[in-house]
Amino acid sequence: MFSFDFQLTTGDQNIGTVYLPNEHATNLPVIIYCHGWGGNRQLSSAAAAMRNEAMQKNFAFVAFDFYGCGETGGDYSLMRYGRWKDNFAEIFAWCINQSFADKNRIGCYSVSSGTMTALRFAAENHDIAFVISVATAISLVWLAKTLAEHAAELLAGEKYEFLGTAFGMEFFADTVGNSPMYTMTEIACPVLFLQGGDDNPWRCADARLGYDLMKRKNLPVTHIEIPGGNHGLDNVVDQATRHTFDWLATIL
């Protein structure tokens, strides 16, 4: 395996790492890793297993730090899913122009909050080849409840704390108003909802909701729930990896 770090010169100048089967690999299908809330490009055990299998299957694997995270850095209170979507768009555009990438076979492996980003992007950009969505978040109903209950304060410029960070109205309006659940039927690429059965009920429900919305429109979608799997599938690594690459073999 060969790897190298990079930094974009556009947007939030995101920093990332590319993993290749060998130094001279070209024209490979690409999996872009979208980490979750407050995370970074350091791979979890499940993501590392995906990366390792990608090397065996002759894929490229790209991990990067969203705005506010890892080496990319930035004030996390200015994080927006729309901003993360723009980060992903920049990474996607960068990959298209790299010799290691087959520009027609670039997709992503997204986890938790990263799925909000990936699915929003896929609804807008039909060049993406696939989306793997783990611990899917497409509704975040408790944020809608927060927005409804504290709208007056937020509109007056006050902030409300969510998962340890105080956010203003822009964050809540972007998250609730641009939820992927509104645009799932605009996604053209195949989507795999890979869900842990022991994840929290909201993520399990969102995975099923995303699947049902796409399935009713006869869009290319698959739903697999792994019994006993936790939020990041780190306790069912072998099953998650097998399901992922079996599915990829059917669509690429």
C-alpha atoms as a PDB file:
ATOM      1  CA  MET A   1       0.000   0.000   0.000  1.00  0.00           C
ATOM      2  CA  PHE A   2       1.167   3.500  -0.880  1.00  0.00           C
ATOM      3  CA  SER A   3      -0.205   6.693   0.697  1.00  0.00           C
ATOM      4  CA  PHE A   4       0.350  10.434   0.530  1.00  0.00           C
ATOM      5  CA  ASP A   5      -1.169  13.540   2.087  1.00  0.00           C
ATOM      6  CA  PHE A   6      -2.561  16.502   0.180  1.00  0.00           C
ATOM      7  CA  GLN A   7      -4.109  19.907   0.810  1.00  0.00           C
ATOM      8  CA  LEU A   8      -6.562  21.664  -1.458  1.00  0.00           C
ATOM      9  CA  THR A   9      -5.877  25.225  -2.555  1.00  0.00           C
ATOM     10  CA  THR A  10      -9.553  26.127  -2.866  1.00  0.00           C
ATOM     11  CA  GLY A  11     -12.497  26.528  -0.461  1.00  0.00           C
ATOM     12  CA  ASP A  12     -11.595  25.598   3.115  1.00  0.00           C
ATOM     13  CA  GLN A  13      -8.297  24.101   1.893  1.00  0.00           C
ATOM     14  CA  ASN A  14      -9.159  20.678   3.263  1.00  0.00           C
ATOM     15  CA  ILE A  15      -6.350  18.309   4.138  1.00  0.00           C
ATOM     16  CA  GLY A  16      -6.569  14.638   3.249  1.00  0.00           C
ATOM     17  CA  THR A  17      -4.771  11.355   2.610  1.00  0.00           C
ATOM     18  CA  VAL A  18      -4.860   9.147  -0.476  1.00  0.00           C
ATOM     19  CA  TYR A  19      -4.303   5.385  -0.195  1.00  0.00           C
ATOM     20  CA  LEU A  20      -3.360   3.419  -3.318  1.00  0.00           C
ATOM     21  CA  PRO A  21      -2.609  -0.266  -3.935  1.00  0.00           C
ATOM     22  CA  ASN A  22       0.781   0.850  -5.275  1.00  0.00           C
ATOM     23  CA  GLU A  23       2.630   4.060  -6.092  1.00  0.00           C
ATOM     24  CA  HIS A  24       1.948   3.895  -9.827  1.00  0.00           C
ATOM     25  CA  ALA A  25      -1.732   2.897  -9.748  1.00  0.00           C
ATOM     26  CA  THR A  26      -3.923   4.706 -12.281  1.00  0.00           C
ATOM     27  CA  ASN A  27      -7.550   4.813 -13.400  1.00  0.00           C
ATOM     28  CA  LEU A  28      -8.965   3.196 -10.250  1.00  0.00           C
ATOM     29  CA  PRO A  29     -12.453   3.361  -8.798  1.00  0.00           C
ATOM     30  CA  VAL A  30     -12.328   5.695  -5.784  1.00  0.00           C
ATOM     31  CA  ILE A  31     -13.968   5.532  -2.360  1.00  0.00           C
ATOM     32  CA  ILE A  32     -14.022   8.899  -0.552  1.00  0.00           C
ATOM     33  CA  TYR A  33     -14.454   8.550   3.216  1.00  0.00           C
ATOM     34  CA  CYS A  34     -16.821  11.076   4.852  1.00  0.00           C
ATOM     35  CA  HIS A  35     -16.271  11.010   8.623  1.00  0.00           C
ATOM     36  CA  GLY A  36     -18.922  11.860  11.175  1.00  0.00           C
ATOM     37  CA  TRP A  37     -19.584  14.628  13.693  1.00  0.00           C
ATOM     38  CA  GLY A  38     -16.435  15.983  15.317  1.00  0.00           C
ATOM     39  CA  GLY A  39     -14.339  13.280  13.670  1.00  0.00           C
ATOM     40  CA  ASN A  40     -11.406  13.417  11.311  1.00  0.00           C
ATOM     41  CA  ARG A  41      -9.697  11.385   8.606  1.00  0.00           C
ATOM     42  CA  GLN A  42      -8.114   8.992  11.099  1.00  0.00           C
ATOM     43  CA  LEU A  43      -9.873   5.753  10.235  1.00  0.00           C
ATOM     44  CA  SER A  44     -12.055   3.836  12.645  1.00  0.00           C
ATOM     45  CA  SER A  45     -11.592   0.060  12.703  1.00  0.00           C
ATOM     46  CA  ALA A  46     -14.500  -0.360  10.249  1.00  0.00           C
ATOM     47  CA  ALA A  47     -13.186   2.354   7.908  1.00  0.00           C
ATOM     48  CA  ALA A  48      -9.659   0.931   8.115  1.00  0.00           C
ATOM     49  CA  ALA A  49     -11.015  -2.485   7.147  1.00  0.00           C
ATOM     50  CA  MET A  50     -12.781  -0.865   4.171  1.00  0.00           C
ATOM     51  CA  ARG A  51      -9.510   0.811   3.209  1.00  0.00           C
ATOM     52  CA  ASN A  52      -7.582  -2.451   3.476  1.00  0.00           C
ATOM     53  CA  GLU A  53     -10.124  -4.323   1.368  1.00  0.00           C
ATOM     54  CA  ALA A  54     -10.085  -1.472  -1.142  1.00  0.00           C
ATOM     55  CA  MET A  55      -6.345  -2.011  -1.563  1.00  0.00           C
ATOM     56  CA  GLN A  56      -6.942  -5.716  -2.185  1.00  0.00           C
ATOM     57  CA  LYS A  57      -9.711  -4.991  -4.712  1.00  0.00           C
ATOM     58  CA  ASN A  58      -7.630  -2.378  -6.575  1.00  0.00           C
ATOM     59  CA  PHE A  59      -9.551   0.707  -5.447  1.00  0.00           C
ATOM     60  CA  ALA A  60      -8.208   4.073  -4.336  1.00  0.00           C
ATOM     61  CA  PHE A  61      -9.345   5.243  -0.894  1.00  0.00           C
ATOM     62  CA  VAL A  62      -9.391   8.951   0.000  1.00  0.00           C
ATOM     63  CA  ALA A  63      -9.935  10.308   3.515  1.00  0.00           C
ATOM     64  CA  PHE A  64     -10.084  13.998   4.441  1.00  0.00           C
ATOM     65  CA  ASP A  65     -10.873  16.341   7.319  1.00  0.00           C
ATOM     66  CA  PHE A  66     -14.063  18.384   6.990  1.00  0.00           C
ATOM     67  CA  TYR A  67     -14.061  22.048   8.021  1.00  0.00           C
ATOM     68  CA  GLY A  68     -13.665  22.378  11.786  1.00  0.00           C
ATOM     69  CA  CYS A  69     -12.035  18.944  12.082  1.00  0.00           C
ATOM     70  CA  GLY A  70      -8.595  17.389  12.161  1.00  0.00           C
ATOM     71  CA  GLU A  71      -5.781  19.219  10.412  1.00  0.00           C
ATOM     72  CA  THR A  72      -8.163  21.206   8.226  1.00  0.00           C
ATOM     73  CA  GLY A  73      -9.275  23.004  11.375  1.00  0.00           C
ATOM     74  CA  GLY A  74     -11.552  25.997  11.719  1.00  0.00           C
ATOM     75  CA  ASP A  75     -14.136  27.233  14.206  1.00  0.00           C
ATOM     76  CA  TYR A  76     -16.575  24.342  14.658  1.00  0.00           C
ATOM     77  CA  SER A  77     -19.369  26.737  15.571  1.00  0.00           C
ATOM     78  CA  LEU A  78     -19.237  27.827  11.918  1.00  0.00           C
ATOM     79  CA  MET A  79     -19.762  24.248  10.741  1.00  0.00           C
ATOM     80  CA  ARG A  80     -22.762  23.785   8.464  1.00  0.00           C
ATOM     81  CA  TYR A  81     -23.776  20.656   6.576  1.00  0.00           C
ATOM     82  CA  GLY A  82     -23.950  22.879   3.521  1.00  0.00           C
ATOM     83  CA  ARG A  83     -20.346  23.870   4.146  1.00  0.00           C
ATOM     84  CA  TRP A  84     -19.353  20.231   4.530  1.00  0.00           C
ATOM     85  CA  LYS A  85     -21.182  19.482   1.279  1.00  0.00           C
ATOM     86  CA  ASP A  86     -19.055  22.142  -0.399  1.00  0.00           C
ATOM     87  CA  ASN A  87     -15.946  20.540   1.142  1.00  0.00           C
ATOM     88  CA  PHE A  88     -16.960  17.200  -0.324  1.00  0.00           C
ATOM     89  CA  ALA A  89     -17.611  18.813  -3.713  1.00  0.00           C
ATOM     90  CA  GLU A  90     -14.074  20.258  -3.661  1.00  0.00           C
ATOM     91  CA  ILE A  91     -12.568  16.849  -2.798  1.00  0.00           C
ATOM     92  CA  PHE A  92     -14.674  15.150  -5.467  1.00  0.00           C
ATOM     93  CA  ALA A  93     -13.565  17.681  -8.106  1.00  0.00           C
ATOM     94  CA  TRP A  94      -9.939  17.255  -7.047  1.00  0.00           C
ATOM     95  CA  CYS A  95     -10.168  13.460  -7.361  1.00  0.00           C
ATOM     96  CA  ILE A  96     -11.614  13.719 -10.884  1.00  0.00           C
ATOM     97  CA  ASN A  97      -8.409  15.420 -11.999  1.00  0.00           C
ATOM     98  CA  GLN A  98      -6.001  12.920 -10.426  1.00  0.00           C
ATOM     99  CA  SER A  99      -4.321  10.217 -12.509  1.00  0.00           C
ATOM    100  CA  PHE A 100      -5.126   7.532  -9.919  1.00  0.00           C
ATOM    101  CA  ALA A 101      -8.869   8.034 -10.396  1.00  0.00           C
ATOM    102  CA  ASP A 102     -11.381   6.734 -12.913  1.00  0.00           C
ATOM    103  CA  LYS A 103     -13.562   9.856 -13.022  1.00  0.00           C
ATOM    104  CA  ASN A 104     -16.653   7.768 -13.823  1.00  0.00           C
ATOM    105  CA  ARG A 105     -16.270   5.544 -10.746  1.00  0.00           C
ATOM    106  CA  ILE A 106     -15.868   7.917  -7.794  1.00  0.00           C
ATOM    107  CA  GLY A 107     -18.175   7.371  -4.847  1.00  0.00           C
ATOM    108  CA  CYS A 108     -18.130   7.599  -1.086  1.00  0.00           C
ATOM    109  CA  TYR A 109     -18.307   5.702   2.188  1.00  0.00           C
ATOM    110  CA  SER A 110     -20.062   7.983   4.678  1.00  0.00           C
ATOM    111  CA  VAL A 111     -20.780   7.579   8.383  1.00  0.00           C
ATOM    112  CA  SER A 112     -23.353   9.322  10.603  1.00  0.00           C
ATOM    113  CA  SER A 113     -23.140  13.101  10.027  1.00  0.00           C
ATOM    114  CA  GLY A 114     -21.056  12.358   6.953  1.00  0.00           C
ATOM    115  CA  THR A 115     -24.157  10.797   5.402  1.00  0.00           C
ATOM    116  CA  MET A 116     -25.968  14.155   5.592  1.00  0.00           C
ATOM    117  CA  THR A 117     -23.169  15.566   3.465  1.00  0.00           C
ATOM    118  CA  ALA A 118     -22.884  12.699   0.995  1.00  0.00           C
ATOM    119  CA  LEU A 119     -26.615  12.367   0.331  1.00  0.00           C
ATOM    120  CA  ARG A 120     -27.095  16.126  -0.071  1.00  0.00           C
ATOM    121  CA  PHE A 121     -24.243  16.156  -2.588  1.00  0.00           C
ATOM    122  CA  ALA A 122     -25.572  13.126  -4.477  1.00  0.00           C
ATOM    123  CA  ALA A 123     -28.975  14.783  -4.900  1.00  0.00           C
ATOM    124  CA  GLU A 124     -27.268  17.712  -6.652  1.00  0.00           C
ATOM    125  CA  ASN A 125     -24.390  16.063  -8.512  1.00  0.00           C
ATOM    126  CA  HIS A 126     -25.152  13.073 -10.706  1.00  0.00           C
ATOM    127  CA  ASP A 127     -21.504  12.409 -11.501  1.00  0.00           C
ATOM    128  CA  ILE A 128     -21.010  10.563  -8.212  1.00  0.00           C
ATOM    129  CA  ALA A 129     -21.012   6.819  -8.869  1.00  0.00           C
ATOM    130  CA  PHE A 130     -22.304   5.468  -5.535  1.00  0.00           C
ATOM    131  CA  VAL A 131     -23.003   6.294  -1.898  1.00  0.00           C
ATOM    132  CA  ILE A 132     -22.522   3.933   1.040  1.00  0.00           C
ATOM    133  CA  SER A 133     -24.451   5.320   4.017  1.00  0.00           C
ATOM    134  CA  VAL A 134     -23.654   3.988   7.514  1.00  0.00           C
ATOM    135  CA  ALA A 135     -25.591   5.211  10.590  1.00  0.00           C
ATOM    136  CA  THR A 136     -27.731   7.262   8.229  1.00  0.00           C
ATOM    137  CA  ALA A 137     -28.849  10.736   9.300  1.00  0.00           C
ATOM    138  CA  ILE A 138     -31.378  12.309   6.947  1.00  0.00           C
ATOM    139  CA  SER A 139     -34.017  13.816   9.234  1.00  0.00           C
ATOM    140  CA  LEU A 140     -32.515  14.861  12.615  1.00  0.00           C
ATOM    141  CA  VAL A 141     -35.995  15.504  13.979  1.00  0.00           C
ATOM    142  CA  TRP A 142     -34.695  16.655  17.375  1.00  0.00           C
ATOM    143  CA  LEU A 143     -32.994  19.607  15.653  1.00  0.00           C
ATOM    144  CA  ALA A 144     -36.307  20.554  14.052  1.00  0.00           C
ATOM    145  CA  LYS A 145     -37.858  20.399  17.526  1.00  0.00           C
ATOM    146  CA  THR A 146     -35.066  22.610  18.902  1.00  0.00           C
ATOM    147  CA  LEU A 147     -35.550  25.096  16.075  1.00  0.00           C
ATOM    148  CA  ALA A 148     -39.296  25.247  16.695  1.00  0.00           C
ATOM    149  CA  GLU A 149     -38.920  25.649  20.460  1.00  0.00           C
ATOM    150  CA  HIS A 150     -36.137  28.262  20.343  1.00  0.00           C
ATOM    151  CA  ALA A 151     -36.895  30.097  17.097  1.00  0.00           C
ATOM    152  CA  ALA A 152     -37.450  33.452  18.813  1.00  0.00           C
ATOM    153  CA  GLU A 153     -34.104  33.366  20.620  1.00  0.00           C
ATOM    154  CA  LEU A 154     -32.234  32.128  17.541  1.00  0.00           C
ATOM    155  CA  LEU A 155     -33.805  34.788  15.345  1.00  0.00           C
ATOM    156  CA  ALA A 156     -32.729  37.365  17.925  1.00  0.00           C
ATOM    157  CA  GLY A 157     -29.114  36.265  17.448  1.00  0.00           C
ATOM    158  CA  GLU A 158     -28.780  33.965  20.433  1.00  0.00           C
ATOM    159  CA  LYS A 159     -27.127  30.555  20.183  1.00  0.00           C
ATOM    160  CA  TYR A 160     -28.194  27.121  21.339  1.00  0.00           C
ATOM    161  CA  GLU A 161     -25.829  24.334  22.342  1.00  0.00           C
ATOM    162  CA  PHE A 162     -25.907  21.121  20.338  1.00  0.00           C
ATOM    163  CA  LEU A 163     -23.493  18.279  21.157  1.00  0.00           C
ATOM    164  CA  GLY A 164     -21.158  20.596  23.026  1.00  0.00           C
ATOM    165  CA  THR A 165     -21.040  23.485  20.531  1.00  0.00           C
ATOM    166  CA  ALA A 166     -23.178  26.623  20.542  1.00  0.00           C
ATOM    167  CA  PHE A 167     -24.739  27.256  17.121  1.00  0.00           C
ATOM    168  CA  GLY A 168     -26.780  30.140  15.762  1.00  0.00           C
ATOM    169  CA  MET A 169     -29.799  30.182  13.498  1.00  0.00           C
ATOM    170  CA  GLU A 170     -27.782  29.513  10.330  1.00  0.00           C
ATOM    171  CA  PHE A 171     -26.798  26.029  11.511  1.00  0.00           C
ATOM    172  CA  PHE A 172     -30.327  25.012  12.496  1.00  0.00           C
ATOM    173  CA  ALA A 173     -31.922  26.521   9.385  1.00  0.00           C
ATOM    174  CA  ASP A 174     -29.416  24.806   7.097  1.00  0.00           C
ATOM    175  CA  THR A 175     -29.757  21.428   8.815  1.00  0.00           C
ATOM    176  CA  VAL A 176     -33.540  21.386   9.039  1.00  0.00           C
ATOM    177  CA  GLY A 177     -34.346  23.257   5.828  1.00  0.00           C
ATOM    178  CA  ASN A 178     -31.983  21.241   3.660  1.00  0.00           C
ATOM    179  CA  SER A 179     -32.466  17.790   5.176  1.00  0.00           C
ATOM    180  CA  PRO A 180     -31.638  15.001   2.688  1.00  0.00           C
ATOM    181  CA  MET A 181     -35.044  13.434   3.328  1.00  0.00           C
ATOM    182  CA  TYR A 182     -36.527  16.122   1.054  1.00  0.00           C
ATOM    183  CA  THR A 183     -34.276  15.245  -1.885  1.00  0.00           C
ATOM    184  CA  MET A 184     -33.686  11.490  -1.683  1.00  0.00           C
ATOM    185  CA  THR A 185     -35.700  10.963  -4.877  1.00  0.00           C
ATOM    186  CA  GLU A 186     -33.322  13.269  -6.759  1.00  0.00           C
ATOM    187  CA  ILE A 187     -30.385  10.895  -6.224  1.00  0.00           C
ATOM    188  CA  ALA A 188     -29.502   9.004  -9.393  1.00  0.00           C
ATOM    189  CA  CYS A 189     -26.567   6.863  -8.245  1.00  0.00           C
ATOM    190  CA  PRO A 190     -26.897   3.542  -6.391  1.00  0.00           C
ATOM    191  CA  VAL A 191     -27.120   3.924  -2.613  1.00  0.00           C
ATOM    192  CA  LEU A 192     -26.366   1.265  -0.001  1.00  0.00           C
ATOM    193  CA  PHE A 193     -27.884   1.864   3.432  1.00  0.00           C
ATOM    194  CA  LEU A 194     -25.621  -0.280   5.609  1.00  0.00           C
ATOM    195  CA  GLN A 195     -27.065  -0.126   9.093  1.00  0.00           C
ATOM    196  CA  GLY A 196     -26.152  -1.594  12.442  1.00  0.00           C
ATOM    197  CA  GLY A 197     -29.116  -3.277  14.110  1.00  0.00           C
ATOM    198  CA  ASP A 198     -27.999  -2.097  17.565  1.00  0.00           C
ATOM    199  CA  ASP A 199     -27.516   1.521  16.507  1.00  0.00           C
ATOM    200  CA  ASN A 200     -29.869   4.078  18.048  1.00  0.00           C
ATOM    201  CA  PRO A 201     -33.469   3.966  16.790  1.00  0.00           C
ATOM    202  CA  TRP A 202     -33.231   7.312  14.960  1.00  0.00           C
ATOM    203  CA  ARG A 203     -30.396   6.106  12.733  1.00  0.00           C
ATOM    204  CA  CYS A 204     -32.134   2.785  12.093  1.00  0.00           C
ATOM    205  CA  ALA A 205     -35.330   4.646  11.197  1.00  0.00           C
ATOM    206  CA  ASP A 206     -33.535   7.110   8.913  1.00  0.00           C
ATOM    207  CA  ALA A 207     -31.850   4.274   7.017  1.00  0.00           C
ATOM    208  CA  ARG A 208     -35.223   2.650   6.419  1.00  0.00           C
ATOM    209  CA  LEU A 209     -36.800   6.006   5.517  1.00  0.00           C
ATOM    210  CA  GLY A 210     -34.118   6.758   2.941  1.00  0.00           C
ATOM    211  CA  TYR A 211     -34.475   3.307   1.461  1.00  0.00           C
ATOM    212  CA  ASP A 212     -38.283   3.528   1.263  1.00  0.00           C
ATOM    213  CA  LEU A 213     -38.242   6.991  -0.330  1.00  0.00           C
ATOM    214  CA  MET A 214     -35.895   5.831  -3.082  1.00  0.00           C
ATOM    215  CA  LYS A 215     -37.484   2.406  -3.547  1.00  0.00           C
ATOM    216  CA  ARG A 216     -40.925   3.906  -4.159  1.00  0.00           C
ATOM    217  CA  LYS A 217     -39.456   5.779  -7.125  1.00  0.00           C
ATOM    218  CA  ASN A 218     -37.701   2.619  -8.388  1.00  0.00           C
ATOM    219  CA  LEU A 219     -34.298   4.179  -7.798  1.00  0.00           C
ATOM    220  CA  PRO A 220     -31.196   1.965  -7.347  1.00  0.00           C
ATOM    221  CA  VAL A 221     -31.092   1.409  -3.603  1.00  0.00           C
ATOM    222  CA  THR A 222     -30.209  -1.405  -1.186  1.00  0.00           C
ATOM    223  CA  HIS A 223     -30.823  -1.685   2.554  1.00  0.00           C
ATOM    224  CA  ILE A 224     -28.824  -4.100   4.716  1.00  0.00           C
ATOM    225  CA  GLU A 225     -29.169  -4.162   8.499  1.00  0.00           C
ATOM    226  CA  ILE A 226     -26.472  -6.162  10.278  1.00  0.00           C
ATOM    227  CA  PRO A 227     -27.798  -7.754  13.504  1.00  0.00           C
ATOM    228  CA  GLY A 228     -25.870  -6.545  16.537  1.00  0.00           C
ATOM    229  CA  GLY A 229     -23.982  -3.885  14.584  1.00  0.00           C
ATOM    230  CA  ASN A 230     -23.208  -0.693  16.487  1.00  0.00           C
ATOM    231  CA  HIS A 231     -23.240   2.929  15.263  1.00  0.00           C
ATOM    232  CA  GLY A 232     -20.032   2.747  13.228  1.00  0.00           C
ATOM    233  CA  LEU A 233     -20.152  -1.033  12.579  1.00  0.00           C
ATOM    234  CA  ASP A 234     -16.831  -1.365  14.409  1.00  0.00           C
ATOM    235  CA  ASN A 235     -18.031  -4.539  16.134  1.00  0.00           C
ATOM    236  CA  VAL A 236     -19.067  -6.249  12.862  1.00  0.00           C
ATOM    237  CA  VAL A 237     -16.133  -5.242  10.678  1.00  0.00           C
ATOM    238  CA  ASP A 238     -15.921  -8.439   8.645  1.00  0.00           C
ATOM    239  CA  GLN A 239     -19.634  -8.503   7.817  1.00  0.00           C
ATOM    240  CA  ALA A 240     -19.714  -4.795   6.968  1.00  0.00           C
ATOM    241  CA  THR A 241     -16.710  -5.097   4.659  1.00  0.00           C
ATOM    242  CA  ARG A 242     -18.088  -8.173   2.897  1.00  0.00           C
ATOM    243  CA  HIS A 243     -21.509  -6.609   2.330  1.00  0.00           C
ATOM    244  CA  THR A 244     -19.927  -3.413   1.018  1.00  0.00           C
ATOM    245  CA  PHE A 245     -17.644  -4.984  -1.533  1.00  0.00           C
ATOM    246  CA  ASP A 246     -20.184  -7.583  -2.628  1.00  0.00           C
ATOM    247  CA  TRP A 247     -22.523  -4.663  -3.359  1.00  0.00           C
ATOM    248  CA  LEU A 248     -19.837  -2.652  -5.117  1.00  0.00           C
ATOM    249  CA  ALA A 249     -19.112  -5.636  -7.353  1.00  0.00           C
ATOM    250  CA  THR A 250     -22.730  -5.556  -8.558  1.00  0.00           C
ATOM    251  CA  ILE A 251     -22.812  -1.832  -9.437  1.00  0.00           C
ATOM    252  CA  LEU A 252     -19.351  -1.044 -10.837  1.00  0.00           C
END
